[in-house]
Amino acid sequence: MKNLNYPLWFTVSLFLVSFTSFSQIPAKVVPADYGYIVKIGDQIPAFSTTLTNGKAISTADFKGKVVMLQFTASWCSVCRKEMPFIEKDIWQRHKNNNNFVLIGVDLDEPLEKVKKFQDDIKVTYPLALDPGGSIFQLIAEKKAGVTRNVILDKSGKIVYLTRLYKEDEFAEMVKVIDTLLKQ
C-alpha cells in the first residue's frame, strides 16, 4: 500500500470538517473587532446579579441549561432593533422550555430605567441589572459596546458570540440555540 503523506493544512481541515459535522453547531471565527475577552470554548465566568423583579440569579443557576445572555442598554439603538426579534424568534418559542434560559443584561442603568426600557421595547424576557458593568467586563472590553449575545451550552461553555444585529448572524444564532436544545 502506498504511504500517503498529506500536508498539515489538509489534515487540520479534514479534522475541522469532521468535528463541525458531528457537533452540528456552526464553527465560528469571532472577529477581533468584536471586543470580546472570552472566546468560544471558554467556560462562562462566574457572576451573580438581580433581575428587574428582584430575583437573584447566578451562573450556578444555569447548570444543565442552554443559555442566551443578551447584553443591552436603553440608549442603544441597535439593541432596540434586535430585541423584538429576540422576543419573537427565540423567547416566545422557548420560554416554556425548562432547559432554556434567556437573560437580557442591562449595562449600568438603574432599576427604574431598565423597567421602563423593558416596557417601552415590549419584551417579556427577563432583564438583569449590571451596575458598573462588572458582568459585561467579564465578557468584553470595557469600551467594546453592547448589542452582543453569548450562547452557552448545557455545560456552561461559550459556543456562539455575536456583535451588533446582523440578520445572517442572528439566524445562525437561532439555529445554534435550536440545535443545542435538541441535544
N, C-alpha and C. Protein backbone atom coordinates (compact mmCIF):
# COMPACT_ATOMS: atom_id res chain seq x y z
N MET A 1 0.84 -1.18 0.00
CA MET A 1 0.00 0.00 0.00
C MET A 1 0.88 1.24 0.00
N LYS A 2 0.49 2.21 -0.72
CA LYS A 2 1.25 3.44 -0.87
C LYS A 2 1.13 4.29 0.40
N ASN A 3 2.24 4.89 0.84
CA ASN A 3 2.26 5.76 2.01
C ASN A 3 1.71 7.12 1.61
N LEU A 4 0.64 7.56 2.28
CA LEU A 4 0.02 8.84 1.96
C LEU A 4 0.47 9.88 2.97
N ASN A 5 1.21 10.85 2.53
CA ASN A 5 1.66 11.95 3.39
C ASN A 5 0.91 13.20 2.98
N TYR A 6 -0.12 13.53 3.75
CA TYR A 6 -0.93 14.70 3.45
C TYR A 6 -0.31 15.94 4.10
N PRO A 7 -0.43 17.07 3.45
CA PRO A 7 0.05 18.31 4.08
C PRO A 7 -0.74 18.58 5.37
N LEU A 8 -0.08 19.26 6.29
CA LEU A 8 -0.70 19.56 7.58
C LEU A 8 -2.01 20.32 7.41
N TRP A 9 -2.09 21.27 6.50
CA TRP A 9 -3.31 22.06 6.30
C TRP A 9 -4.48 21.17 5.90
N PHE A 10 -4.20 20.12 5.11
CA PHE A 10 -5.25 19.21 4.67
C PHE A 10 -5.76 18.39 5.86
N THR A 11 -4.84 17.91 6.68
CA THR A 11 -5.21 17.10 7.84
C THR A 11 -6.04 17.92 8.83
N VAL A 12 -5.61 19.15 9.10
CA VAL A 12 -6.34 20.03 10.01
C VAL A 12 -7.72 20.35 9.44
N SER A 13 -7.79 20.65 8.15
CA SER A 13 -9.08 20.96 7.51
C SER A 13 -10.03 19.78 7.61
N LEU A 14 -9.52 18.58 7.36
CA LEU A 14 -10.34 17.38 7.44
C LEU A 14 -10.87 17.18 8.86
N PHE A 15 -10.01 17.40 9.86
CA PHE A 15 -10.43 17.30 11.25
C PHE A 15 -11.54 18.30 11.56
N LEU A 16 -11.35 19.56 11.16
CA LEU A 16 -12.35 20.59 11.45
C LEU A 16 -13.68 20.29 10.78
N VAL A 17 -13.65 19.82 9.54
CA VAL A 17 -14.89 19.46 8.85
C VAL A 17 -15.58 18.33 9.59
N SER A 18 -14.82 17.33 10.00
CA SER A 18 -15.40 16.20 10.74
C SER A 18 -15.97 16.66 12.07
N PHE A 19 -15.23 17.50 12.79
CA PHE A 19 -15.68 17.97 14.09
C PHE A 19 -16.96 18.78 13.99
N THR A 20 -17.02 19.71 13.05
CA THR A 20 -18.22 20.54 12.95
C THR A 20 -19.40 19.73 12.45
N SER A 21 -19.17 18.70 11.67
CA SER A 21 -20.27 17.86 11.21
C SER A 21 -20.89 17.11 12.38
N PHE A 22 -20.03 16.63 13.28
CA PHE A 22 -20.54 15.88 14.41
C PHE A 22 -21.22 16.77 15.43
N SER A 23 -20.70 17.97 15.62
CA SER A 23 -21.26 18.83 16.65
C SER A 23 -22.55 19.50 16.19
N GLN A 24 -22.77 19.64 14.91
CA GLN A 24 -23.94 20.27 14.31
C GLN A 24 -24.05 21.76 14.66
N ILE A 25 -23.06 22.30 15.31
CA ILE A 25 -23.05 23.73 15.62
C ILE A 25 -22.05 24.37 14.68
N PRO A 26 -22.46 25.42 13.98
CA PRO A 26 -21.55 26.03 13.01
C PRO A 26 -20.26 26.51 13.67
N ALA A 27 -19.14 26.20 13.04
CA ALA A 27 -17.87 26.72 13.51
C ALA A 27 -17.88 28.22 13.23
N LYS A 28 -17.41 29.00 14.17
CA LYS A 28 -17.47 30.45 14.01
C LYS A 28 -16.15 31.05 14.44
N VAL A 29 -15.64 31.93 13.62
CA VAL A 29 -14.48 32.71 13.98
C VAL A 29 -14.99 34.09 14.37
N VAL A 30 -14.69 34.51 15.57
CA VAL A 30 -15.17 35.79 16.07
C VAL A 30 -14.13 36.86 15.73
N PRO A 31 -14.52 37.86 14.95
CA PRO A 31 -13.56 38.91 14.57
C PRO A 31 -13.01 39.64 15.80
N ALA A 32 -11.75 40.04 15.71
CA ALA A 32 -11.10 40.74 16.82
C ALA A 32 -11.81 42.04 17.17
N ASP A 33 -12.41 42.69 16.17
CA ASP A 33 -13.06 43.98 16.43
C ASP A 33 -14.38 43.83 17.19
N TYR A 34 -14.80 42.61 17.50
CA TYR A 34 -15.99 42.41 18.32
C TYR A 34 -15.72 42.80 19.78
N GLY A 35 -14.47 42.85 20.19
CA GLY A 35 -14.12 43.31 21.53
C GLY A 35 -14.34 42.31 22.65
N TYR A 36 -14.48 41.04 22.34
CA TYR A 36 -14.65 40.04 23.38
C TYR A 36 -13.33 39.74 24.06
N ILE A 37 -13.37 39.46 25.37
CA ILE A 37 -12.20 38.96 26.08
C ILE A 37 -12.36 37.47 26.38
N VAL A 38 -13.55 36.93 26.13
CA VAL A 38 -13.77 35.48 26.19
C VAL A 38 -13.76 34.96 24.76
N LYS A 39 -13.66 33.65 24.64
CA LYS A 39 -13.71 33.08 23.30
C LYS A 39 -14.55 31.80 23.31
N ILE A 40 -14.92 31.37 22.13
CA ILE A 40 -15.70 30.14 22.00
C ILE A 40 -14.89 28.99 22.60
N GLY A 41 -15.55 28.20 23.42
CA GLY A 41 -14.91 27.09 24.11
C GLY A 41 -14.58 27.41 25.57
N ASP A 42 -14.56 28.71 25.92
CA ASP A 42 -14.32 29.10 27.32
C ASP A 42 -15.54 28.79 28.17
N GLN A 43 -15.30 28.53 29.43
CA GLN A 43 -16.37 28.42 30.42
C GLN A 43 -16.81 29.84 30.74
N ILE A 44 -18.11 30.05 30.91
CA ILE A 44 -18.60 31.39 31.25
C ILE A 44 -18.03 31.79 32.61
N PRO A 45 -17.50 33.00 32.74
CA PRO A 45 -17.03 33.44 34.06
C PRO A 45 -18.20 33.50 35.05
N ALA A 46 -17.93 33.17 36.29
CA ALA A 46 -18.98 33.17 37.32
C ALA A 46 -19.40 34.61 37.63
N PHE A 47 -20.72 34.78 37.78
CA PHE A 47 -21.26 36.07 38.20
C PHE A 47 -22.62 35.86 38.85
N SER A 48 -23.05 36.88 39.55
CA SER A 48 -24.42 36.89 40.09
C SER A 48 -24.98 38.28 39.86
N THR A 49 -26.31 38.35 39.79
CA THR A 49 -26.98 39.62 39.54
C THR A 49 -28.41 39.52 40.03
N THR A 50 -29.16 40.58 39.81
CA THR A 50 -30.56 40.62 40.20
C THR A 50 -31.40 40.99 38.99
N LEU A 51 -32.50 40.26 38.82
CA LEU A 51 -33.45 40.58 37.75
C LEU A 51 -34.28 41.79 38.15
N THR A 52 -34.96 42.38 37.20
CA THR A 52 -35.80 43.55 37.50
C THR A 52 -36.93 43.23 38.46
N ASN A 53 -37.31 41.95 38.56
CA ASN A 53 -38.37 41.57 39.50
C ASN A 53 -37.83 41.30 40.91
N GLY A 54 -36.52 41.52 41.11
CA GLY A 54 -35.90 41.34 42.42
C GLY A 54 -35.29 39.98 42.66
N LYS A 55 -35.48 39.03 41.77
CA LYS A 55 -34.93 37.68 41.94
C LYS A 55 -33.42 37.70 41.68
N ALA A 56 -32.68 37.11 42.62
CA ALA A 56 -31.23 36.97 42.47
C ALA A 56 -30.94 35.74 41.63
N ILE A 57 -29.99 35.87 40.71
CA ILE A 57 -29.56 34.74 39.89
C ILE A 57 -28.05 34.71 39.82
N SER A 58 -27.51 33.53 39.49
CA SER A 58 -26.07 33.39 39.29
C SER A 58 -25.82 32.35 38.22
N THR A 59 -24.59 32.27 37.79
CA THR A 59 -24.24 31.29 36.77
C THR A 59 -24.49 29.86 37.27
N ALA A 60 -24.49 29.64 38.56
CA ALA A 60 -24.80 28.31 39.10
C ALA A 60 -26.22 27.88 38.72
N ASP A 61 -27.11 28.85 38.53
CA ASP A 61 -28.50 28.55 38.14
C ASP A 61 -28.60 28.05 36.70
N PHE A 62 -27.55 28.22 35.92
CA PHE A 62 -27.57 27.85 34.50
C PHE A 62 -27.19 26.39 34.26
N LYS A 63 -26.74 25.70 35.29
CA LYS A 63 -26.24 24.33 35.12
C LYS A 63 -27.26 23.43 34.42
N GLY A 64 -26.82 22.78 33.36
CA GLY A 64 -27.67 21.86 32.61
C GLY A 64 -28.64 22.54 31.66
N LYS A 65 -28.49 23.85 31.44
CA LYS A 65 -29.41 24.59 30.58
C LYS A 65 -28.65 25.27 29.43
N VAL A 66 -29.34 25.44 28.33
CA VAL A 66 -28.84 26.27 27.23
C VAL A 66 -29.17 27.71 27.61
N VAL A 67 -28.18 28.59 27.51
CA VAL A 67 -28.34 29.95 28.00
C VAL A 67 -28.00 30.96 26.90
N MET A 68 -28.84 31.99 26.82
CA MET A 68 -28.54 33.15 25.97
C MET A 68 -28.44 34.37 26.87
N LEU A 69 -27.27 35.00 26.87
CA LEU A 69 -27.08 36.26 27.58
C LEU A 69 -27.03 37.35 26.52
N GLN A 70 -27.96 38.28 26.63
CA GLN A 70 -28.04 39.38 25.67
C GLN A 70 -27.63 40.65 26.39
N PHE A 71 -26.52 41.25 25.98
CA PHE A 71 -26.04 42.47 26.62
C PHE A 71 -26.65 43.67 25.91
N THR A 72 -27.28 44.55 26.70
CA THR A 72 -28.12 45.60 26.15
C THR A 72 -28.06 46.86 27.01
N ALA A 73 -28.70 47.93 26.53
CA ALA A 73 -28.87 49.17 27.30
C ALA A 73 -29.96 49.99 26.62
N SER A 74 -30.65 50.79 27.40
CA SER A 74 -31.78 51.56 26.87
C SER A 74 -31.36 52.58 25.81
N TRP A 75 -30.15 53.09 25.90
CA TRP A 75 -29.66 54.12 24.98
C TRP A 75 -29.16 53.53 23.65
N CYS A 76 -29.14 52.21 23.54
CA CYS A 76 -28.56 51.53 22.38
C CYS A 76 -29.61 51.32 21.29
N SER A 77 -29.48 52.02 20.18
CA SER A 77 -30.46 51.91 19.09
C SER A 77 -30.44 50.54 18.43
N VAL A 78 -29.27 49.93 18.32
CA VAL A 78 -29.19 48.60 17.71
C VAL A 78 -29.85 47.56 18.62
N CYS A 79 -29.70 47.73 19.93
CA CYS A 79 -30.37 46.84 20.89
C CYS A 79 -31.88 46.91 20.69
N ARG A 80 -32.38 48.12 20.57
CA ARG A 80 -33.82 48.33 20.37
C ARG A 80 -34.30 47.67 19.08
N LYS A 81 -33.45 47.63 18.08
CA LYS A 81 -33.80 46.98 16.81
C LYS A 81 -33.81 45.46 16.97
N GLU A 82 -32.82 44.92 17.69
CA GLU A 82 -32.67 43.47 17.81
C GLU A 82 -33.65 42.83 18.79
N MET A 83 -33.96 43.51 19.87
CA MET A 83 -34.74 42.90 20.96
C MET A 83 -36.11 42.36 20.53
N PRO A 84 -36.86 43.04 19.67
CA PRO A 84 -38.12 42.43 19.24
C PRO A 84 -37.93 41.09 18.50
N PHE A 85 -36.81 40.94 17.80
CA PHE A 85 -36.52 39.66 17.13
C PHE A 85 -36.17 38.59 18.15
N ILE A 86 -35.42 38.98 19.17
CA ILE A 86 -35.13 38.02 20.24
C ILE A 86 -36.43 37.58 20.90
N GLU A 87 -37.30 38.53 21.18
CA GLU A 87 -38.60 38.22 21.79
C GLU A 87 -39.39 37.23 20.93
N LYS A 88 -39.51 37.54 19.64
CA LYS A 88 -40.36 36.74 18.74
C LYS A 88 -39.71 35.41 18.33
N ASP A 89 -38.47 35.47 17.90
CA ASP A 89 -37.84 34.30 17.29
C ASP A 89 -37.16 33.36 18.28
N ILE A 90 -36.91 33.84 19.50
CA ILE A 90 -36.24 32.99 20.48
C ILE A 90 -37.09 32.83 21.74
N TRP A 91 -37.39 33.93 22.42
CA TRP A 91 -38.09 33.83 23.69
C TRP A 91 -39.47 33.20 23.57
N GLN A 92 -40.28 33.67 22.65
CA GLN A 92 -41.64 33.12 22.53
C GLN A 92 -41.62 31.65 22.14
N ARG A 93 -40.61 31.21 21.43
CA ARG A 93 -40.51 29.80 21.03
C ARG A 93 -40.03 28.90 22.17
N HIS A 94 -39.20 29.44 23.08
CA HIS A 94 -38.54 28.58 24.07
C HIS A 94 -38.81 28.95 25.52
N LYS A 95 -39.66 29.93 25.76
CA LYS A 95 -39.84 30.40 27.14
C LYS A 95 -40.41 29.33 28.08
N ASN A 96 -41.10 28.35 27.56
CA ASN A 96 -41.66 27.28 28.40
C ASN A 96 -40.78 26.05 28.47
N ASN A 97 -39.59 26.13 27.87
CA ASN A 97 -38.64 25.03 27.89
C ASN A 97 -37.76 25.18 29.13
N ASN A 98 -37.87 24.22 30.05
CA ASN A 98 -37.11 24.28 31.30
C ASN A 98 -35.60 24.15 31.10
N ASN A 99 -35.19 23.78 29.89
CA ASN A 99 -33.77 23.64 29.58
C ASN A 99 -33.19 24.88 28.92
N PHE A 100 -33.95 25.98 28.93
CA PHE A 100 -33.51 27.21 28.26
C PHE A 100 -33.63 28.41 29.20
N VAL A 101 -32.60 29.25 29.16
CA VAL A 101 -32.60 30.49 29.93
C VAL A 101 -32.20 31.62 28.99
N LEU A 102 -32.96 32.70 29.03
CA LEU A 102 -32.62 33.93 28.29
C LEU A 102 -32.64 35.07 29.28
N ILE A 103 -31.54 35.78 29.37
CA ILE A 103 -31.43 36.93 30.26
C ILE A 103 -30.86 38.09 29.46
N GLY A 104 -31.56 39.21 29.47
CA GLY A 104 -31.00 40.45 28.95
C GLY A 104 -30.25 41.12 30.08
N VAL A 105 -28.98 41.40 29.88
CA VAL A 105 -28.16 42.02 30.92
C VAL A 105 -27.98 43.49 30.55
N ASP A 106 -28.62 44.35 31.33
CA ASP A 106 -28.62 45.79 31.03
C ASP A 106 -27.39 46.46 31.65
N LEU A 107 -26.63 47.12 30.81
CA LEU A 107 -25.35 47.71 31.20
C LEU A 107 -25.50 49.00 32.00
N ASP A 108 -25.24 48.89 33.29
CA ASP A 108 -25.04 50.04 34.17
C ASP A 108 -26.15 51.09 34.17
N GLU A 109 -27.40 50.62 34.26
CA GLU A 109 -28.53 51.55 34.37
C GLU A 109 -29.33 51.21 35.61
N PRO A 110 -29.97 52.20 36.22
CA PRO A 110 -30.76 51.95 37.44
C PRO A 110 -32.03 51.14 37.15
N LEU A 111 -32.52 50.49 38.17
CA LEU A 111 -33.68 49.60 38.07
C LEU A 111 -34.86 50.24 37.35
N GLU A 112 -35.28 51.43 37.75
CA GLU A 112 -36.47 52.06 37.15
C GLU A 112 -36.28 52.33 35.65
N LYS A 113 -35.07 52.70 35.27
CA LYS A 113 -34.79 52.94 33.85
C LYS A 113 -34.86 51.63 33.06
N VAL A 114 -34.35 50.56 33.63
CA VAL A 114 -34.38 49.25 32.96
C VAL A 114 -35.82 48.75 32.82
N LYS A 115 -36.61 48.92 33.87
CA LYS A 115 -38.03 48.52 33.81
C LYS A 115 -38.77 49.31 32.72
N LYS A 116 -38.53 50.62 32.65
CA LYS A 116 -39.17 51.45 31.63
C LYS A 116 -38.73 51.01 30.23
N PHE A 117 -37.45 50.74 30.08
CA PHE A 117 -36.90 50.25 28.81
C PHE A 117 -37.61 48.97 28.39
N GLN A 118 -37.76 48.04 29.31
CA GLN A 118 -38.42 46.76 29.03
C GLN A 118 -39.86 47.00 28.59
N ASP A 119 -40.56 47.90 29.26
CA ASP A 119 -41.95 48.22 28.88
C ASP A 119 -42.00 48.91 27.51
N ASP A 120 -41.11 49.86 27.29
CA ASP A 120 -41.10 50.61 26.02
C ASP A 120 -40.83 49.70 24.83
N ILE A 121 -39.89 48.78 24.98
CA ILE A 121 -39.48 47.93 23.86
C ILE A 121 -40.40 46.71 23.73
N LYS A 122 -41.23 46.50 24.75
CA LYS A 122 -42.24 45.43 24.76
C LYS A 122 -41.63 44.02 24.65
N VAL A 123 -40.62 43.79 25.50
CA VAL A 123 -40.10 42.42 25.60
C VAL A 123 -40.51 41.85 26.94
N THR A 124 -40.75 40.54 26.94
CA THR A 124 -41.21 39.89 28.17
C THR A 124 -40.14 39.01 28.79
N TYR A 125 -39.01 38.83 28.10
CA TYR A 125 -37.96 38.01 28.71
C TYR A 125 -37.28 38.81 29.84
N PRO A 126 -36.69 38.09 30.80
CA PRO A 126 -36.13 38.76 31.98
C PRO A 126 -34.94 39.65 31.63
N LEU A 127 -34.90 40.80 32.29
CA LEU A 127 -33.74 41.68 32.21
C LEU A 127 -33.08 41.72 33.58
N ALA A 128 -31.76 41.76 33.55
CA ALA A 128 -30.97 41.80 34.78
C ALA A 128 -30.17 43.09 34.84
N LEU A 129 -29.79 43.46 36.04
CA LEU A 129 -29.01 44.67 36.26
C LEU A 129 -27.52 44.34 36.28
N ASP A 130 -26.75 45.25 35.72
CA ASP A 130 -25.29 45.11 35.72
C ASP A 130 -24.66 46.43 36.18
N PRO A 131 -24.82 46.75 37.48
CA PRO A 131 -24.28 48.02 37.99
C PRO A 131 -22.77 48.10 37.78
N GLY A 132 -22.33 49.22 37.21
CA GLY A 132 -20.91 49.41 36.97
C GLY A 132 -20.35 48.60 35.81
N GLY A 133 -21.19 47.77 35.19
CA GLY A 133 -20.74 46.96 34.06
C GLY A 133 -19.81 45.82 34.43
N SER A 134 -19.90 45.35 35.69
CA SER A 134 -18.97 44.30 36.14
C SER A 134 -19.17 42.98 35.39
N ILE A 135 -20.40 42.63 35.06
CA ILE A 135 -20.64 41.40 34.30
C ILE A 135 -20.15 41.58 32.88
N PHE A 136 -20.51 42.69 32.28
CA PHE A 136 -20.08 42.99 30.91
C PHE A 136 -18.56 42.89 30.78
N GLN A 137 -17.84 43.41 31.77
CA GLN A 137 -16.38 43.42 31.70
C GLN A 137 -15.75 42.06 31.92
N LEU A 138 -16.53 41.06 32.32
CA LEU A 138 -16.05 39.68 32.35
C LEU A 138 -16.07 39.08 30.94
N ILE A 139 -16.88 39.67 30.06
CA ILE A 139 -17.14 39.13 28.73
C ILE A 139 -16.41 39.92 27.64
N ALA A 140 -16.43 41.24 27.76
CA ALA A 140 -15.91 42.09 26.69
C ALA A 140 -15.09 43.24 27.27
N GLU A 141 -14.31 43.85 26.40
CA GLU A 141 -13.54 45.02 26.80
C GLU A 141 -14.49 46.12 27.27
N LYS A 142 -14.06 46.88 28.25
CA LYS A 142 -14.91 47.88 28.89
C LYS A 142 -15.59 48.81 27.90
N LYS A 143 -14.90 49.26 26.89
CA LYS A 143 -15.44 50.22 25.91
C LYS A 143 -15.96 49.54 24.64
N ALA A 144 -16.13 48.23 24.67
CA ALA A 144 -16.48 47.48 23.45
C ALA A 144 -17.90 47.72 22.96
N GLY A 145 -18.80 48.11 23.82
CA GLY A 145 -20.17 48.38 23.38
C GLY A 145 -21.10 47.18 23.51
N VAL A 146 -22.35 47.50 23.75
CA VAL A 146 -23.37 46.45 23.90
C VAL A 146 -23.92 46.04 22.54
N THR A 147 -25.04 45.39 22.59
CA THR A 147 -25.63 44.66 21.48
C THR A 147 -24.70 43.52 21.14
N ARG A 148 -24.71 42.57 22.03
CA ARG A 148 -23.95 41.35 21.84
C ARG A 148 -24.67 40.22 22.56
N ASN A 149 -24.52 39.02 22.02
CA ASN A 149 -25.17 37.84 22.59
C ASN A 149 -24.12 36.77 22.83
N VAL A 150 -24.25 36.09 23.95
CA VAL A 150 -23.36 34.99 24.32
C VAL A 150 -24.24 33.77 24.52
N ILE A 151 -23.96 32.71 23.77
CA ILE A 151 -24.74 31.47 23.86
C ILE A 151 -23.88 30.43 24.57
N LEU A 152 -24.48 29.80 25.59
CA LEU A 152 -23.80 28.77 26.38
C LEU A 152 -24.46 27.42 26.16
N ASP A 153 -23.64 26.38 26.12
CA ASP A 153 -24.22 25.04 26.08
C ASP A 153 -24.58 24.60 27.50
N LYS A 154 -25.07 23.38 27.64
CA LYS A 154 -25.55 22.91 28.94
C LYS A 154 -24.44 22.74 29.97
N SER A 155 -23.19 22.74 29.52
CA SER A 155 -22.07 22.63 30.45
C SER A 155 -21.52 24.00 30.85
N GLY A 156 -22.12 25.08 30.31
CA GLY A 156 -21.67 26.42 30.64
C GLY A 156 -20.56 26.94 29.75
N LYS A 157 -20.26 26.21 28.69
CA LYS A 157 -19.22 26.66 27.75
C LYS A 157 -19.83 27.58 26.70
N ILE A 158 -19.05 28.57 26.33
CA ILE A 158 -19.46 29.52 25.29
C ILE A 158 -19.36 28.82 23.94
N VAL A 159 -20.48 28.82 23.19
CA VAL A 159 -20.48 28.16 21.88
C VAL A 159 -20.76 29.13 20.73
N TYR A 160 -21.22 30.34 21.06
CA TYR A 160 -21.53 31.29 19.98
C TYR A 160 -21.50 32.70 20.54
N LEU A 161 -20.96 33.62 19.76
CA LEU A 161 -20.86 35.03 20.15
C LEU A 161 -21.30 35.91 18.98
N THR A 162 -22.10 36.94 19.27
CA THR A 162 -22.50 37.88 18.22
C THR A 162 -22.14 39.30 18.65
N ARG A 163 -22.19 40.19 17.68
CA ARG A 163 -21.97 41.61 17.93
C ARG A 163 -22.81 42.40 16.95
N LEU A 164 -23.51 43.40 17.46
CA LEU A 164 -24.46 44.20 16.69
C LEU A 164 -25.59 43.31 16.20
N TYR A 165 -26.42 43.81 15.32
CA TYR A 165 -27.51 42.99 14.79
C TYR A 165 -27.29 42.80 13.31
N LYS A 166 -26.97 41.58 12.94
CA LYS A 166 -26.77 41.21 11.54
C LYS A 166 -27.72 40.05 11.29
N GLU A 167 -28.58 40.18 10.30
CA GLU A 167 -29.62 39.17 10.06
C GLU A 167 -29.06 37.77 9.90
N ASP A 168 -27.98 37.62 9.13
CA ASP A 168 -27.43 36.28 8.90
C ASP A 168 -26.84 35.69 10.19
N GLU A 169 -26.15 36.51 10.96
CA GLU A 169 -25.59 36.04 12.22
C GLU A 169 -26.70 35.71 13.21
N PHE A 170 -27.74 36.52 13.25
CA PHE A 170 -28.88 36.27 14.14
C PHE A 170 -29.56 34.95 13.76
N ALA A 171 -29.78 34.73 12.47
CA ALA A 171 -30.41 33.49 12.01
C ALA A 171 -29.57 32.27 12.39
N GLU A 172 -28.25 32.40 12.25
CA GLU A 172 -27.37 31.31 12.62
C GLU A 172 -27.43 31.06 14.13
N MET A 173 -27.51 32.14 14.92
CA MET A 173 -27.61 32.01 16.37
C MET A 173 -28.90 31.26 16.76
N VAL A 174 -29.99 31.57 16.10
CA VAL A 174 -31.26 30.88 16.36
C VAL A 174 -31.10 29.39 16.10
N LYS A 175 -30.42 29.04 15.01
CA LYS A 175 -30.18 27.62 14.68
C LYS A 175 -29.30 26.95 15.74
N VAL A 176 -28.29 27.67 16.21
CA VAL A 176 -27.41 27.13 17.25
C VAL A 176 -28.23 26.82 18.51
N ILE A 177 -29.08 27.74 18.92
CA ILE A 177 -29.92 27.51 20.10
C ILE A 177 -30.82 26.31 19.89
N ASP A 178 -31.47 26.24 18.75
CA ASP A 178 -32.35 25.11 18.44
C ASP A 178 -31.59 23.78 18.49
N THR A 179 -30.39 23.76 17.90
CA THR A 179 -29.57 22.54 17.89
C THR A 179 -29.18 22.15 19.31
N LEU A 180 -28.75 23.09 20.11
CA LEU A 180 -28.36 22.80 21.50
C LEU A 180 -29.53 22.24 22.30
N LEU A 181 -30.72 22.78 22.06
CA LEU A 181 -31.89 22.31 22.81
C LEU A 181 -32.32 20.91 22.40
N LYS A 182 -31.94 20.47 21.21
CA LYS A 182 -32.27 19.11 20.75
C LYS A 182 -31.29 18.09 21.29
N GLN A 183 -30.14 18.53 21.78
CA GLN A 183 -29.10 17.60 22.25
C GLN A 183 -29.39 17.13 23.66
